[in-house]
C-alpha atoms as a PDB file:
ATOM      1  CA  MET A   1       0.113   0.149   0.459  1.00  0.00           C
ATOM      2  CA  LEU A   2       1.200   3.702  -0.711  1.00  0.00           C
ATOM      3  CA  ASP A   3       2.525   5.773   2.313  1.00  0.00           C
ATOM      4  CA  LYS A   4      -0.043   8.795   2.788  1.00  0.00           C
ATOM      5  CA  THR A   5       3.022  10.975   3.967  1.00  0.00           C
ATOM      6  CA  GLN A   6       4.490  10.667   0.297  1.00  0.00           C
ATOM      7  CA  PHE A   7       1.038  12.848  -1.080  1.00  0.00           C
ATOM      8  CA  MET A   8       1.904  15.326   1.755  1.00  0.00           C
ATOM      9  CA  ASP A   9       4.784  17.213  -0.789  1.00  0.00           C
ATOM     10  CA  PRO A  10       3.430  19.414  -3.411  1.00  0.00           C
ATOM     11  CA  LEU A  11       2.617  17.334  -6.464  1.00  0.00           C
ATOM     12  CA  PRO A  12       4.843  18.302  -9.948  1.00  0.00           C
ATOM     13  CA  THR A  13       2.801  20.233 -12.773  1.00  0.00           C
ATOM     14  CA  VAL A  14       3.160  20.891 -15.839  1.00  0.00           C
ATOM     15  CA  SER A  15       2.807  24.853 -16.759  1.00  0.00           C
ATOM     16  CA  GLU A  16       4.078  24.964 -19.737  1.00  0.00           C
ATOM     17  CA  MET A  17       4.558  22.492 -23.271  1.00  0.00           C
ATOM     18  CA  LEU A  18       7.145  21.718 -24.219  1.00  0.00           C
ATOM     19  CA  PRO A  19       9.162  21.830 -27.750  1.00  0.00           C
ATOM     20  CA  LEU A  20       8.150  18.611 -29.179  1.00  0.00           C
ATOM     21  CA  ASP A  21      11.776  17.499 -30.511  1.00  0.00           C
ATOM     22  CA  GLU A  22      12.330  17.787 -26.638  1.00  0.00           C
ATOM     23  CA  GLN A  23       9.932  15.550 -25.191  1.00  0.00           C
ATOM     24  CA  GLN A  24      10.290  12.354 -24.044  1.00  0.00           C
ATOM     25  CA  GLY A  25       8.301  11.040 -21.854  1.00  0.00           C
ATOM     26  CA  GLN A  26       9.293  12.993 -19.400  1.00  0.00           C
ATOM     27  CA  THR A  27       5.975  15.085 -18.118  1.00  0.00           C
ATOM     28  CA  PHE A  28       3.953  11.146 -17.143  1.00  0.00           C
ATOM     29  CA  PRO A  29       5.200  10.929 -13.506  1.00  0.00           C
ATOM     30  CA  THR A  30       3.135  13.756 -13.105  1.00  0.00           C
ATOM     31  CA  LEU A  31       0.081  12.386 -14.184  1.00  0.00           C
ATOM     32  CA  VAL A  32       1.178   8.642 -12.074  1.00  0.00           C
ATOM     33  CA  ARG A  33       1.471  11.091  -8.953  1.00  0.00           C
ATOM     34  CA  LEU A  34      -1.921  12.543  -9.049  1.00  0.00           C
ATOM     35  CA  MET A  35      -3.663   9.288  -9.869  1.00  0.00           C
ATOM     36  CA  GLN A  36      -2.035   8.231  -6.799  1.00  0.00           C
ATOM     37  CA  ARG A  37      -3.160  11.438  -5.337  1.00  0.00           C
ATOM     38  CA  LEU A  38      -6.578  10.503  -5.789  1.00  0.00           C
ATOM     39  CA  LEU A  39      -6.156   7.040  -4.343  1.00  0.00           C
ATOM     40  CA  GLY A  40      -4.941   8.054  -1.423  1.00  0.00           C
ATOM     41  CA  PRO A  41      -6.168   8.412   1.821  1.00  0.00           C
ATOM     42  CA  GLU A  42      -6.894  12.226   1.474  1.00  0.00           C
ATOM     43  CA  GLY A  43      -7.834  11.167  -1.971  1.00  0.00           C
ATOM     44  CA  CYS A  44     -11.064  11.636  -3.615  1.00  0.00           C
ATOM     45  CA  PRO A  45     -13.910   9.362  -2.651  1.00  0.00           C
ATOM     46  CA  TRP A  46     -15.384   8.317  -5.855  1.00  0.00           C
ATOM     47  CA  ASP A  47     -11.860   7.437  -7.481  1.00  0.00           C
ATOM     48  CA  ARG A  48     -11.244   5.101  -4.460  1.00  0.00           C
ATOM     49  CA  GLU A  49     -14.719   3.922  -5.109  1.00  0.00           C
ATOM     50  CA  GLN A  50     -13.408   2.478  -8.224  1.00  0.00           C
ATOM     51  CA  ASP A  51     -12.254  -1.080  -8.921  1.00  0.00           C
ATOM     52  CA  ASN A  52     -11.526  -3.194 -12.797  1.00  0.00           C
ATOM     53  CA  LYS A  53     -15.271  -3.859 -13.339  1.00  0.00           C
ATOM     54  CA  THR A  54     -16.448  -0.562 -12.919  1.00  0.00           C
ATOM     55  CA  LEU A  55     -13.442   1.297 -14.720  1.00  0.00           C
ATOM     56  CA  ARG A  56     -14.154  -1.199 -17.901  1.00  0.00           C
ATOM     57  CA  ARG A  57     -17.218   1.247 -19.576  1.00  0.00           C
ATOM     58  CA  TYR A  58     -14.655   4.351 -19.413  1.00  0.00           C
ATOM     59  CA  VAL A  59     -11.835   2.529 -21.078  1.00  0.00           C
ATOM     60  CA  LEU A  60     -14.105   1.251 -23.721  1.00  0.00           C
ATOM     61  CA  GLU A  61     -16.111   4.919 -23.945  1.00  0.00           C
ATOM     62  CA  GLU A  62     -12.531   6.819 -24.314  1.00  0.00           C
ATOM     63  CA  ALA A  63     -11.490   4.484 -27.279  1.00  0.00           C
ATOM     64  CA  CYS A  64     -13.888   5.642 -29.042  1.00  0.00           C
ATOM     65  CA  GLU A  65     -13.486   9.246 -28.497  1.00  0.00           C
ATOM     66  CA  VAL A  66     -10.176   8.730 -29.587  1.00  0.00           C
ATOM     67  CA  ILE A  67     -11.119   7.106 -32.582  1.00  0.00           C
ATOM     68  CA  ASP A  68     -13.878   9.806 -33.273  1.00  0.00           C
ATOM     69  CA  ALA A  69     -11.376  12.196 -32.787  1.00  0.00           C
ATOM     70  CA  ILE A  70      -8.991  10.623 -34.982  1.00  0.00           C
ATOM     71  CA  ASP A  71     -11.558  10.567 -38.325  1.00  0.00           C
ATOM     72  CA  SER A  72     -12.570  14.236 -37.208  1.00  0.00           C
ATOM     73  CA  GLU A  73      -8.994  15.256 -38.200  1.00  0.00           C
ATOM     74  CA  ASP A  74      -8.768  17.236 -35.049  1.00  0.00           C
ATOM     75  CA  ALA A  75      -5.283  17.250 -33.352  1.00  0.00           C
ATOM     76  CA  THR A  76      -6.463  19.252 -30.110  1.00  0.00           C
ATOM     77  CA  ALA A  77      -9.281  16.855 -29.437  1.00  0.00           C
ATOM     78  CA  LEU A  78      -6.816  14.053 -30.265  1.00  0.00           C
ATOM     79  CA  CYS A  79      -4.465  15.434 -27.484  1.00  0.00           C
ATOM     80  CA  ASP A  80      -7.525  15.908 -25.303  1.00  0.00           C
ATOM     81  CA  GLU A  81      -8.971  12.414 -25.989  1.00  0.00           C
ATOM     82  CA  LEU A  82      -5.364  10.389 -25.870  1.00  0.00           C
ATOM     83  CA  GLY A  83      -4.979  12.351 -22.264  1.00  0.00           C
ATOM     84  CA  ASP A  84      -8.368  11.030 -20.661  1.00  0.00           C
ATOM     85  CA  LEU A  85      -7.192   7.191 -22.404  1.00  0.00           C
ATOM     86  CA  ALA A  86      -3.882   7.607 -20.935  1.00  0.00           C
ATOM     87  CA  LEU A  87      -5.244   8.178 -17.696  1.00  0.00           C
ATOM     88  CA  GLN A  88      -7.170   4.814 -17.937  1.00  0.00           C
ATOM     89  CA  VAL A  89      -4.538   3.366 -18.142  1.00  0.00           C
ATOM     90  CA  VAL A  90      -2.994   4.821 -15.369  1.00  0.00           C
ATOM     91  CA  PHE A  91      -5.649   4.810 -12.888  1.00  0.00           C
ATOM     92  CA  LEU A  92      -5.563   0.567 -13.876  1.00  0.00           C
ATOM     93  CA  ALA A  93      -2.450   0.512 -12.975  1.00  0.00           C
ATOM     94  CA  GLU A  94      -2.738   2.216  -9.580  1.00  0.00           C
ATOM     95  CA  LEU A  95      -5.116   0.074  -8.956  1.00  0.00           C
ATOM     96  CA  ALA A  96      -3.156  -2.792  -9.580  1.00  0.00           C
ATOM     97  CA  ARG A  97      -0.351  -1.297  -7.103  1.00  0.00           C
ATOM     98  CA  ASN A  98      -2.396  -0.921  -4.570  1.00  0.00           C
ATOM     99  CA  LYS A  99      -3.123  -4.982  -4.960  1.00  0.00           C
ATOM    100  CA  GLY A 100       0.132  -5.378  -4.643  1.00  0.00           C
ATOM    101  CA  GLN A 101      -0.022  -6.825  -8.661  1.00  0.00           C
ATOM    102  CA  PHE A 102       2.141  -4.821 -10.520  1.00  0.00           C
ATOM    103  CA  GLY A 103       2.407  -0.599 -11.801  1.00  0.00           C
ATOM    104  CA  PRO A 104       2.542   1.482 -14.187  1.00  0.00           C
ATOM    105  CA  ASP A 105       6.540   0.979 -14.616  1.00  0.00           C
ATOM    106  CA  ASP A 106       5.831  -2.545 -14.715  1.00  0.00           C
ATOM    107  CA  VAL A 107       2.914  -1.969 -17.874  1.00  0.00           C
ATOM    108  CA  VAL A 108       5.491   0.363 -19.755  1.00  0.00           C
ATOM    109  CA  ARG A 109       8.068  -2.266 -19.398  1.00  0.00           C
ATOM    110  CA  ALA A 110       6.193  -5.088 -20.779  1.00  0.00           C
ATOM    111  CA  ILE A 111       5.120  -3.142 -23.130  1.00  0.00           C
ATOM    112  CA  SER A 112       8.534  -2.084 -24.572  1.00  0.00           C
ATOM    113  CA  GLU A 113       9.716  -5.539 -24.472  1.00  0.00           C
ATOM    114  CA  LYS A 114       7.201  -6.893 -26.489  1.00  0.00           C
ATOM    115  CA  LEU A 115       8.073  -4.306 -29.443  1.00  0.00           C
ATOM    116  CA  VAL A 116      11.671  -5.266 -28.838  1.00  0.00           C
ATOM    117  CA  ARG A 117      10.478  -8.983 -29.364  1.00  0.00           C
ATOM    118  CA  ARG A 118       8.255  -8.476 -32.022  1.00  0.00           C
ATOM    119  CA  HIS A 119      10.778  -6.053 -34.141  1.00  0.00           C
ATOM    120  CA  PRO A 120      13.664  -8.114 -34.967  1.00  0.00           C
ATOM    121  CA  HIS A 121      14.111  -6.434 -38.236  1.00  0.00           C
ATOM    122  CA  VAL A 122      14.481  -3.394 -36.089  1.00  0.00           C
ATOM    123  CA  PHE A 123      16.698  -4.440 -32.734  1.00  0.00           C
ATOM    124  CA  ALA A 124      18.086  -7.460 -34.489  1.00  0.00           C
ATOM    125  CA  GLN A 125      19.444  -9.250 -37.569  1.00  0.00           C
ATOM    126  CA  THR A 126      16.034 -10.100 -39.274  1.00  0.00           C
ATOM    127  CA  GLN A 127      15.951  -9.239 -42.679  1.00  0.00           C
ATOM    128  CA  VAL A 128      12.279  -8.089 -44.282  1.00  0.00           C
ATOM    129  CA  SER A 129      11.059  -6.547 -47.578  1.00  0.00           C
ATOM    130  CA  SER A 130       7.759  -5.609 -47.232  1.00  0.00           C
ATOM    131  CA  ALA A 131       5.561  -4.487 -44.049  1.00  0.00           C
ATOM    132  CA  GLU A 132       3.135  -8.352 -45.420  1.00  0.00           C
ATOM    133  CA  GLU A 133       6.409  -9.838 -44.012  1.00  0.00           C
ATOM    134  CA  VAL A 134       6.451  -8.051 -40.944  1.00  0.00           C
ATOM    135  CA  VAL A 135       2.611  -8.830 -39.937  1.00  0.00           C
ATOM    136  CA  LYS A 136       3.684 -12.475 -40.499  1.00  0.00           C
ATOM    137  CA  ASN A 137       7.110 -12.079 -38.389  1.00  0.00           C
ATOM    138  CA  TRP A 138       4.541 -10.633 -35.921  1.00  0.00           C
ATOM    139  CA  GLU A 139       1.957 -13.130 -35.908  1.00  0.00           C
ATOM    140  CA  ALA A 140       4.868 -16.320 -35.854  1.00  0.00           C
ATOM    141  CA  ILE A 141       5.960 -14.626 -32.386  1.00  0.00           C
ATOM    142  CA  LYS A 142       3.104 -13.274 -31.064  1.00  0.00           C
ATOM    143  CA  ARG A 143       2.401 -17.131 -31.450  1.00  0.00           C
ATOM    144  CA  THR A 144       5.421 -18.326 -30.176  1.00  0.00           C
ATOM    145  CA  GLU A 145       4.580 -16.034 -26.774  1.00  0.00           C
ATOM    146  CA  LYS A 146       1.664 -17.710 -26.534  1.00  0.00           C
ATOM    147  CA  GLY A 147       2.220 -21.174 -26.437  1.00  0.00           C
ATOM    148  CA  SER A 148      -0.346 -23.505 -27.572  1.00  0.00           C
ATOM    149  CA  ARG A 149      -2.881 -20.780 -27.265  1.00  0.00           C
ATOM    150  CA  PRO A 150      -6.393 -21.593 -29.495  1.00  0.00           C
ATOM    151  CA  LEU A 151      -5.313 -19.471 -33.205  1.00  0.00           C
ATOM    152  CA  LEU A 152      -8.835 -17.361 -32.591  1.00  0.00           C
ATOM    153  CA  ASP A 153      -8.599 -16.720 -29.189  1.00  0.00           C
ATOM    154  CA  SER A 154      -6.257 -13.230 -29.485  1.00  0.00           C
ATOM    155  CA  VAL A 155      -9.325 -12.068 -30.696  1.00  0.00           C
ATOM    156  CA  PRO A 156     -11.286 -10.494 -27.758  1.00  0.00           C
ATOM    157  CA  ARG A 157     -14.534 -11.068 -27.284  1.00  0.00           C
ATOM    158  CA  ALA A 158     -15.088  -7.191 -25.513  1.00  0.00           C
ATOM    159  CA  LEU A 159     -14.213  -6.002 -28.817  1.00  0.00           C
ATOM    160  CA  PRO A 160     -18.060  -4.696 -30.704  1.00  0.00           C
ATOM    161  CA  ALA A 161     -19.327  -7.823 -32.265  1.00  0.00           C
ATOM    162  CA  LEU A 162     -18.794  -6.335 -36.071  1.00  0.00           C
ATOM    163  CA  GLN A 163     -14.921  -5.570 -35.473  1.00  0.00           C
ATOM    164  CA  ARG A 164     -14.980  -9.244 -33.713  1.00  0.00           C
ATOM    165  CA  SER A 165     -16.058 -10.991 -36.461  1.00  0.00           C
ATOM    166  CA  GLN A 166     -14.149  -9.162 -39.106  1.00  0.00           C
ATOM    167  CA  ARG A 167     -10.733  -9.930 -37.078  1.00  0.00           C
ATOM    168  CA  LEU A 168     -11.768 -13.856 -36.511  1.00  0.00           C
ATOM    169  CA  SER A 169     -12.624 -14.471 -40.132  1.00  0.00           C
ATOM    170  CA  GLU A 170      -9.273 -12.029 -41.064  1.00  0.00           C
ATOM    171  CA  LYS A 171      -7.319 -14.798 -38.600  1.00  0.00           C
ATOM    172  CA  ALA A 172      -9.072 -17.979 -40.013  1.00  0.00           C
ATOM    173  CA  ALA A 173      -8.627 -17.178 -43.802  1.00  0.00           C
ATOM    174  CA  ARG A 174      -4.631 -16.723 -42.727  1.00  0.00           C
ATOM    175  CA  VAL A 175      -4.595 -20.671 -42.295  1.00  0.00           C
ATOM    176  CA  GLY A 176      -6.410 -21.394 -45.572  1.00  0.00           C
ATOM    177  CA  PHE A 177     -10.282 -21.457 -44.128  1.00  0.00           C
ATOM    178  CA  ASP A 178     -11.958 -19.180 -46.588  1.00  0.00           C
ATOM    179  CA  TRP A 179     -13.329 -18.933 -50.095  1.00  0.00           C
ATOM    180  CA  PRO A 180     -10.915 -18.889 -53.206  1.00  0.00           C
ATOM    181  CA  ASN A 181     -12.410 -15.526 -53.884  1.00  0.00           C
ATOM    182  CA  ALA A 182     -15.263 -13.610 -53.832  1.00  0.00           C
ATOM    183  CA  ALA A 183     -17.867 -15.231 -55.130  1.00  0.00           C
ATOM    184  CA  GLY A 184     -18.245 -18.276 -52.600  1.00  0.00           C
ATOM    185  CA  SER A 185     -18.756 -15.336 -49.883  1.00  0.00           C
ATOM    186  CA  ARG A 186     -21.428 -14.313 -51.555  1.00  0.00           C
ATOM    187  CA  ALA A 187     -23.251 -17.393 -52.198  1.00  0.00           C
ATOM    188  CA  LYS A 188     -22.477 -17.790 -48.481  1.00  0.00           C
ATOM    189  CA  ILE A 189     -24.968 -14.575 -47.936  1.00  0.00           C
ATOM    190  CA  ASP A 190     -27.768 -16.181 -49.567  1.00  0.00           C
ATOM    191  CA  GLU A 191     -27.356 -19.719 -47.744  1.00  0.00           C
ATOM    192  CA  GLU A 192     -27.628 -17.985 -44.607  1.00  0.00           C
ATOM    193  CA  LEU A 193     -30.825 -15.317 -46.012  1.00  0.00           C
ATOM    194  CA  SER A 194     -32.528 -18.760 -47.088  1.00  0.00           C
ATOM    195  CA  GLU A 195     -31.596 -20.027 -43.852  1.00  0.00           C
ATOM    196  CA  LEU A 196     -33.365 -17.035 -41.809  1.00  0.00           C
ATOM    197  CA  ASP A 197     -36.705 -16.998 -43.963  1.00  0.00           C
ATOM    198  CA  GLU A 198     -36.824 -20.541 -43.132  1.00  0.00           C
ATOM    199  CA  ALA A 199     -36.450 -19.649 -39.064  1.00  0.00           C
ATOM    200  CA  VAL A 200     -38.453 -16.346 -39.725  1.00  0.00           C
ATOM    201  CA  LYS A 201     -41.043 -19.181 -40.881  1.00  0.00           C
ATOM    202  CA  GLY A 202     -41.175 -21.038 -37.689  1.00  0.00           C
ATOM    203  CA  SER A 203     -41.447 -18.090 -35.220  1.00  0.00           C
ATOM    204  CA  ASP A 204     -38.613 -19.818 -33.302  1.00  0.00           C
ATOM    205  CA  ARG A 205     -36.998 -16.222 -31.559  1.00  0.00           C
ATOM    206  CA  GLN A 206     -33.739 -18.660 -30.570  1.00  0.00           C
ATOM    207  CA  ARG A 207     -33.397 -19.817 -33.892  1.00  0.00           C
ATOM    208  CA  ILE A 208     -34.316 -16.041 -35.917  1.00  0.00           C
ATOM    209  CA  GLN A 209     -31.289 -14.839 -33.708  1.00  0.00           C
ATOM    210  CA  GLU A 210     -28.933 -17.107 -34.385  1.00  0.00           C
ATOM    211  CA  GLU A 211     -29.577 -17.046 -38.518  1.00  0.00           C
ATOM    212  CA  LEU A 212     -29.635 -13.378 -38.059  1.00  0.00           C
ATOM    213  CA  GLY A 213     -25.955 -13.765 -36.482  1.00  0.00           C
ATOM    214  CA  ASP A 214     -24.638 -16.020 -38.978  1.00  0.00           C
ATOM    215  CA  VAL A 215     -26.563 -13.285 -41.806  1.00  0.00           C
ATOM    216  CA  LEU A 216     -24.361 -10.377 -40.464  1.00  0.00           C
ATOM    217  CA  PHE A 217     -21.210 -13.209 -40.288  1.00  0.00           C
ATOM    218  CA  ALA A 218     -21.014 -13.839 -43.800  1.00  0.00           C
ATOM    219  CA  VAL A 219     -21.654 -10.138 -45.014  1.00  0.00           C
ATOM    220  CA  VAL A 220     -18.903  -9.068 -42.778  1.00  0.00           C
ATOM    221  CA  ASN A 221     -16.638 -11.840 -44.207  1.00  0.00           C
ATOM    222  CA  PHE A 222     -17.837 -11.316 -47.829  1.00  0.00           C
ATOM    223  CA  ALA A 223     -16.385  -7.291 -47.257  1.00  0.00           C
ATOM    224  CA  ARG A 224     -13.237  -8.437 -46.203  1.00  0.00           C
ATOM    225  CA  HIS A 225     -12.978 -10.183 -49.491  1.00  0.00           C
ATOM    226  CA  PHE A 226     -12.610  -6.507 -50.554  1.00  0.00           C
ATOM    227  CA  GLU A 227     -10.627  -5.078 -47.761  1.00  0.00           C
ATOM    228  CA  ILE A 228     -13.206  -3.348 -46.724  1.00  0.00           C
ATOM    229  CA  ASP A 229     -13.732  -2.955 -43.244  1.00  0.00           C
ATOM    230  CA  ALA A 230     -17.241  -3.510 -42.455  1.00  0.00           C
ATOM    231  CA  ASN A 231     -17.687  -1.721 -39.381  1.00  0.00           C
ATOM    232  CA  GLU A 232     -16.477   0.755 -41.476  1.00  0.00           C
ATOM    233  CA  ALA A 233     -18.839   0.729 -44.169  1.00  0.00           C
ATOM    234  CA  LEU A 234     -21.634   0.779 -41.283  1.00  0.00           C
ATOM    235  CA  ARG A 235     -20.382   3.687 -39.845  1.00  0.00           C
ATOM    236  CA  GLY A 236     -20.581   5.830 -43.187  1.00  0.00           C
ATOM    237  CA  THR A 237     -24.223   4.062 -43.174  1.00  0.00           C
ATOM    238  CA  CYS A 238     -25.474   5.199 -40.053  1.00  0.00           C
ATOM    239  CA  ASP A 239     -23.558   8.861 -40.455  1.00  0.00           C
ATOM    240  CA  ARG A 240     -25.581   8.792 -43.612  1.00  0.00           C
ATOM    241  CA  PHE A 241     -28.864   7.490 -42.001  1.00  0.00           C
ATOM    242  CA  THR A 242     -28.838  10.205 -39.381  1.00  0.00           C
ATOM    243  CA  LYS A 243     -28.135  13.081 -41.433  1.00  0.00           C
ATOM    244  CA  ARG A 244     -30.834  12.558 -44.078  1.00  0.00           C
ATOM    245  CA  PHE A 245     -33.231  11.742 -41.090  1.00  0.00           C
ATOM    246  CA  GLU A 246     -32.341  14.693 -39.464  1.00  0.00           C
ATOM    247  CA  ASN A 247     -33.594  16.436 -42.925  1.00  0.00           C
ATOM    248  CA  VAL A 248     -36.397  14.684 -42.612  1.00  0.00           C
ATOM    249  CA  GLU A 249     -37.254  15.771 -39.449  1.00  0.00           C
ATOM    250  CA  ARG A 250     -36.761  19.566 -40.371  1.00  0.00           C
ATOM    251  CA  ARG A 251     -39.469  18.873 -43.022  1.00  0.00           C
ATOM    252  CA  VAL A 252     -41.737  17.302 -40.809  1.00  0.00           C
ATOM    253  CA  ILE A 253     -41.289  20.498 -38.592  1.00  0.00           C
ATOM    254  CA  ASP A 254     -41.928  22.570 -41.624  1.00  0.00           C
ATOM    255  CA  ALA A 255     -44.675  21.250 -42.526  1.00  0.00           C
ATOM    256  CA  HIS A 256     -46.500  19.750 -39.369  1.00  0.00           C
ATOM    257  CA  GLY A 257     -44.926  22.401 -36.653  1.00  0.00           C
ATOM    258  CA  VAL A 258     -44.078  19.377 -34.828  1.00  0.00           C
ATOM    259  CA  TRP A 259     -42.544  16.072 -35.478  1.00  0.00           C
ATOM    260  CA  PRO A 260     -45.167  12.918 -34.442  1.00  0.00           C
ATOM    261  CA  ALA A 261     -45.319  12.374 -30.789  1.00  0.00           C
ATOM    262  CA  VAL A 262     -43.129   9.099 -29.966  1.00  0.00           C
ATOM    263  CA  ASP A 263     -46.446   7.447 -28.131  1.00  0.00           C
ATOM    264  CA  GLY A 264     -48.044   7.230 -31.568  1.00  0.00           C
ATOM    265  CA  THR A 265     -50.585   9.473 -30.458  1.00  0.00           C
ATOM    266  CA  ILE A 266     -49.718  11.420 -33.732  1.00  0.00           C
ATOM    267  CA  LYS A 267     -48.640   9.446 -36.585  1.00  0.00           C
ATOM    268  CA  LEU A 268     -47.933  10.360 -40.472  1.00  0.00           C
ATOM    269  CA  PRO A 269     -48.347   8.754 -43.391  1.00  0.00           C
ATOM    270  CA  LEU A 270     -45.491   6.315 -44.291  1.00  0.00           C
ATOM    271  CA  GLU A 271     -45.929   7.493 -47.569  1.00  0.00           C
ATOM    272  CA  GLU A 272     -45.203  11.206 -46.864  1.00  0.00           C
ATOM    273  CA  LEU A 273     -42.373  10.549 -44.538  1.00  0.00           C
ATOM    274  CA  ASP A 274     -40.880   8.414 -47.478  1.00  0.00           C
ATOM    275  CA  ASP A 275     -41.337  11.092 -49.791  1.00  0.00           C
ATOM    276  CA  TYR A 276     -39.661  13.377 -47.745  1.00  0.00           C
ATOM    277  CA  TRP A 277     -36.600  10.670 -47.593  1.00  0.00           C
ATOM    278  CA  GLU A 278     -36.243  10.246 -51.352  1.00  0.00           C
ATOM    279  CA  LYS A 279     -35.943  13.983 -51.173  1.00  0.00           C
ATOM    280  CA  ALA A 280     -33.280  14.073 -48.139  1.00  0.00           C
ATOM    281  CA  LYS A 281     -31.347  11.581 -49.405  1.00  0.00           C
ATOM    282  CA  LEU A 282     -30.976  13.771 -53.661  1.00  0.00           C
ATOM    283  CA  GLU A 283     -29.769  16.351 -50.806  1.00  0.00           C
ATOM    284  CA  ASN A 284     -27.511  14.382 -49.187  1.00  0.00           C
ATOM    285  CA  SER A 285     -26.581  11.677 -51.520  1.00  0.00           C
END
């Protein structure tokens, strides 16, 4: 456990930005000290109540906000969101320190050693001729490190299902478990859709759910054959749908003064809404 007296000293502060060519990670200890203070006897009650499970959601949310900042190409937002994500790393490491498991320096040491091991073409004498060969070597070294771990075990279950399905498909394809071309993958979609239709006829909700999952997996596998990220494809569709629906909403309000009540007490004909939708598509194609 941490000694309470260490929190009595003034905490270091980062009062100004260092020039980029002078930044060597020397400010990271400040974050560690701040987190220690927050978790200390005189620290924050909320922080002290947290554990790995309660922080799980924040790790995911902060990672997603980093992705949003990347997509927006906003460097200021990216800098801010990376800080939030770094906080989660330090937070979890300090919780582990308090349990006597590991600390923040162990986290950095472990990833540093891993990077050296998995880049023998940089830190050793291995020769490579392409990025593809680097990936192949990386996977081979990873398998050596993990021992006899099943091939698909390295894909995290916590990944969003669409992203996880694509990673599983990629892993299986690397060992030859794949259609020779996109045609076989496309035919699989029709096969799974047919099985979904049969499940719907039987009104078996559990089977419908399973067959729907099979359809989605087949579609993701089809996307992989064209080197399309299914998650990004769906994200683009969601963005377009949102933009077009906002257009429909403006048209409804212009025409009726209000949006139909969610509880169904006010309804507009589907034909009218569909007409607005088609107009929105023309404006936001």
